[in-house]
Amino acid sequence: MSHDEAQRELDYALADVARGTWEPSKPAPPSPSEAPLFGDFADEWWKRRKGQITPKTQQDYRWRLEVHLLHAFENTPIDAITCDTVERYIAAKLADGLSPRSVNMLVGLMGTILEGAVERELITRNLPRGRPGESASGRHSAPICPLRGRFGRCSMRRANWTPPRRPGLGRTPPGGPSCRP
């Protein structure tokens, strides 16, 4: 737009203001998300992973998905799952009487599913993974494993890793540090 055209548009807008007919422009409606819905993405994830897990784990994951996660997130675009969404879900499940361990398992599965979305660059951050060491109980879990791999699995026992001794931190608890996410 040239300077003259911009001045002409400004003059028209000022004339409308003087007549009392000017209205601010309306913002464009938000574009629909191109990210898949959680239910669709979880279904694709399930098809890819089902053959890689044991029948008992399959049964457990299906139950967590069908009874809990899909009920809450099936029609939610994966890029619309925010920190607040996850925190509200955790609070609701705890209020429903689920134990913190059960809620952590639900959110853990959700995080595992959404990790595939991060790898496919559909989302930039996997919020259900949360802050290291934090759990639904609100307490911090044991130290995070420094050998945690790309998928968050601990390789501590396989590598026979022993935590370095740090002055003032005391001894390592019996059985070594936990490396649960």
Protein backbone atom coordinates (compact mmCIF):
# COMPACT_ATOMS: atom_id res chain seq x y z
CA MET A 1 0.00 0.00 0.00
CA SER A 2 1.38 3.36 -0.95
CA HIS A 3 1.55 6.37 1.33
CA ASP A 4 -1.31 8.07 -0.58
CA GLU A 5 -3.54 4.98 -0.30
CA ALA A 6 -2.83 4.72 3.44
CA GLN A 7 -3.67 8.41 3.91
CA ARG A 8 -6.93 7.96 1.96
CA GLU A 9 -7.92 4.97 4.16
CA LEU A 10 -7.10 6.99 7.28
CA ASP A 11 -9.24 9.89 6.03
CA TYR A 12 -12.18 7.53 5.41
CA ALA A 13 -11.83 6.04 8.90
CA LEU A 14 -11.66 9.51 10.51
CA ALA A 15 -14.75 10.60 8.56
CA ASP A 16 -16.61 7.50 9.83
CA VAL A 17 -15.54 8.35 13.39
CA ALA A 18 -16.83 11.92 12.93
CA ARG A 19 -20.20 10.59 11.65
CA GLY A 20 -20.35 8.04 14.51
CA THR A 21 -20.50 5.07 12.15
CA TRP A 22 -16.98 3.69 12.66
CA GLU A 23 -16.62 0.17 14.09
CA PRO A 24 -13.36 -1.55 14.90
CA SER A 25 -12.43 -4.38 12.58
CA LYS A 26 -13.26 -7.81 13.86
CA PRO A 27 -10.41 -10.23 14.40
CA ALA A 28 -10.27 -13.15 12.03
CA PRO A 29 -11.77 -16.29 13.50
CA PRO A 30 -9.15 -18.71 14.75
CA SER A 31 -8.19 -21.28 12.16
CA PRO A 32 -9.13 -24.81 13.04
CA SER A 33 -6.25 -26.83 14.38
CA GLU A 34 -4.53 -29.09 11.91
CA ALA A 35 -3.25 -31.32 14.69
CA PRO A 36 -5.06 -34.64 15.01
CA LEU A 37 -7.52 -35.28 17.80
CA PHE A 38 -6.14 -37.16 20.77
CA GLY A 39 -8.55 -40.05 20.12
CA ASP A 40 -7.39 -40.43 16.51
CA PHE A 41 -3.73 -40.13 17.42
CA ALA A 42 -4.10 -42.61 20.30
CA ASP A 43 -5.79 -45.06 17.92
CA GLU A 44 -2.90 -44.80 15.46
CA TRP A 45 -0.41 -45.13 18.32
CA TRP A 46 -2.23 -48.25 19.51
CA LYS A 47 -2.09 -49.83 16.06
CA ARG A 48 1.65 -49.19 15.83
CA ARG A 49 2.49 -50.38 19.37
CA LYS A 50 0.04 -53.21 20.06
CA GLY A 51 2.30 -55.92 18.64
CA GLN A 52 5.24 -54.70 20.72
CA ILE A 53 3.68 -55.13 24.15
CA THR A 54 2.59 -58.16 26.15
CA PRO A 55 -1.07 -59.20 26.28
CA LYS A 56 -1.40 -58.22 29.94
CA THR A 57 -0.01 -54.74 29.23
CA GLN A 58 -2.28 -54.47 26.19
CA GLN A 59 -5.27 -55.18 28.42
CA ASP A 60 -4.10 -52.60 30.97
CA TYR A 61 -3.46 -49.91 28.32
CA ARG A 62 -6.83 -50.51 26.61
CA TRP A 63 -8.56 -50.12 29.96
CA ARG A 64 -6.69 -46.87 30.73
CA LEU A 65 -7.48 -45.53 27.27
CA GLU A 66 -11.13 -46.54 27.00
CA VAL A 67 -12.24 -45.92 30.58
CA HIS A 68 -10.21 -42.82 31.39
CA LEU A 69 -8.16 -41.04 28.73
CA LEU A 70 -10.48 -41.19 25.73
CA HIS A 71 -13.43 -40.24 27.90
CA ALA A 72 -11.65 -36.98 28.74
CA PHE A 73 -9.53 -36.21 25.65
CA GLU A 74 -10.94 -38.09 22.65
CA ASN A 75 -12.15 -34.96 20.80
CA THR A 76 -9.34 -32.67 21.94
CA PRO A 77 -6.71 -31.70 19.36
CA ILE A 78 -3.33 -32.83 20.67
CA ASP A 79 -1.93 -29.30 20.36
CA ALA A 80 -4.74 -28.03 22.63
CA ILE A 81 -3.64 -30.18 25.57
CA THR A 82 -2.08 -27.58 27.84
CA CYS A 83 -0.45 -27.70 31.23
CA ASP A 84 -3.73 -26.47 32.73
CA THR A 85 -5.65 -29.21 30.93
CA VAL A 86 -3.38 -31.90 32.35
CA GLU A 87 -3.44 -30.40 35.86
CA ARG A 88 -7.26 -30.18 35.81
CA TYR A 89 -7.42 -33.80 34.63
CA ILE A 90 -5.12 -34.90 37.47
CA ALA A 91 -7.16 -32.96 40.03
CA ALA A 92 -10.44 -34.40 38.70
CA LYS A 93 -9.15 -37.98 38.81
CA LEU A 94 -7.83 -37.52 42.35
CA ALA A 95 -11.18 -36.00 43.36
CA ASP A 96 -12.92 -39.03 41.82
CA GLY A 97 -11.02 -41.19 44.30
CA LEU A 98 -8.26 -42.59 42.10
CA SER A 99 -5.00 -43.07 43.94
CA PRO A 100 -2.04 -40.87 43.03
CA ARG A 101 -0.29 -43.97 41.66
CA SER A 102 -3.24 -44.73 39.35
CA VAL A 103 -3.40 -41.13 38.15
CA ASN A 104 0.34 -41.14 37.50
CA MET A 105 -0.10 -44.29 35.42
CA LEU A 106 -2.86 -42.64 33.36
CA VAL A 107 -0.84 -39.49 32.77
CA GLY A 108 2.23 -41.62 32.04
CA LEU A 109 0.39 -43.46 29.27
CA MET A 110 -0.86 -40.16 27.89
CA GLY A 111 2.72 -38.88 27.90
CA THR A 112 3.91 -42.02 26.13
CA ILE A 113 1.28 -41.54 23.42
CA LEU A 114 2.07 -37.84 23.00
CA GLU A 115 5.80 -38.57 22.78
CA GLY A 116 5.04 -39.90 19.30
CA ALA A 117 3.44 -36.57 18.43
CA VAL A 118 6.59 -34.74 19.53
CA GLU A 119 8.73 -37.08 17.40
CA ARG A 120 6.47 -36.40 14.41
CA GLU A 121 6.67 -32.65 15.13
CA LEU A 122 2.90 -32.36 15.56
CA ILE A 123 3.48 -30.72 18.95
CA THR A 124 6.60 -29.11 20.37
CA ARG A 125 6.33 -30.20 23.99
CA ASN A 126 5.00 -33.23 25.81
CA LEU A 127 3.19 -31.65 28.77
CA PRO A 128 1.97 -34.83 30.48
CA ARG A 129 5.59 -35.77 31.06
CA GLY A 130 5.63 -32.87 33.54
CA ARG A 131 8.55 -31.60 35.49
CA PRO A 132 11.22 -34.15 36.35
CA GLY A 133 10.55 -35.90 39.61
CA GLU A 134 7.01 -34.59 40.14
CA SER A 135 4.05 -36.87 40.63
CA ALA A 136 0.29 -36.60 41.06
CA SER A 137 0.71 -36.92 44.80
CA GLY A 138 2.40 -33.51 44.75
CA ARG A 139 5.54 -35.02 46.25
CA HIS A 140 8.78 -35.30 44.42
CA SER A 141 9.82 -38.77 43.47
CA ALA A 142 13.31 -40.14 43.76
CA PRO A 143 16.21 -38.83 41.67
CA ILE A 144 15.89 -38.86 37.91
CA CYS A 145 18.08 -41.38 36.13
CA PRO A 146 20.87 -39.65 34.19
CA LEU A 147 20.86 -42.47 31.65
CA ARG A 148 17.21 -42.07 30.74
CA GLY A 149 16.92 -42.71 27.07
CA ARG A 150 15.06 -40.99 24.31
CA PHE A 151 11.74 -42.48 25.39
CA GLY A 152 12.16 -41.79 29.10
CA ARG A 153 12.94 -45.38 30.02
CA CYS A 154 15.60 -45.95 32.57
CA SER A 155 18.65 -47.93 31.64
CA MET A 156 20.15 -47.62 35.11
CA ARG A 157 19.97 -51.30 36.02
CA ARG A 158 21.18 -52.51 32.62
CA ALA A 159 24.20 -50.23 32.76
CA ASN A 160 24.90 -51.02 36.45
CA TRP A 161 24.99 -47.30 37.06
CA THR A 162 25.84 -46.09 40.54
CA PRO A 163 25.11 -42.52 41.53
CA PRO A 164 28.14 -40.37 42.30
CA ARG A 165 28.65 -39.63 45.98
CA ARG A 166 28.18 -36.00 46.74
CA PRO A 167 29.35 -34.50 50.00
CA GLY A 168 26.51 -33.46 52.27
CA LEU A 169 23.78 -35.41 50.49
CA GLY A 170 23.98 -38.51 52.62
CA ARG A 171 23.99 -42.09 51.55
CA THR A 172 22.15 -43.64 48.66
CA PRO A 173 18.93 -45.29 49.93
CA PRO A 174 18.97 -49.10 50.27
CA GLY A 175 18.39 -50.71 46.89
CA GLY A 176 19.82 -47.69 45.05
CA PRO A 177 17.96 -44.69 43.67
CA SER A 178 14.64 -45.12 42.01
CA CYS A 179 14.44 -44.05 38.43
CA ARG A 180 10.71 -43.96 37.88
CA PRO A 181 9.56 -41.06 35.69
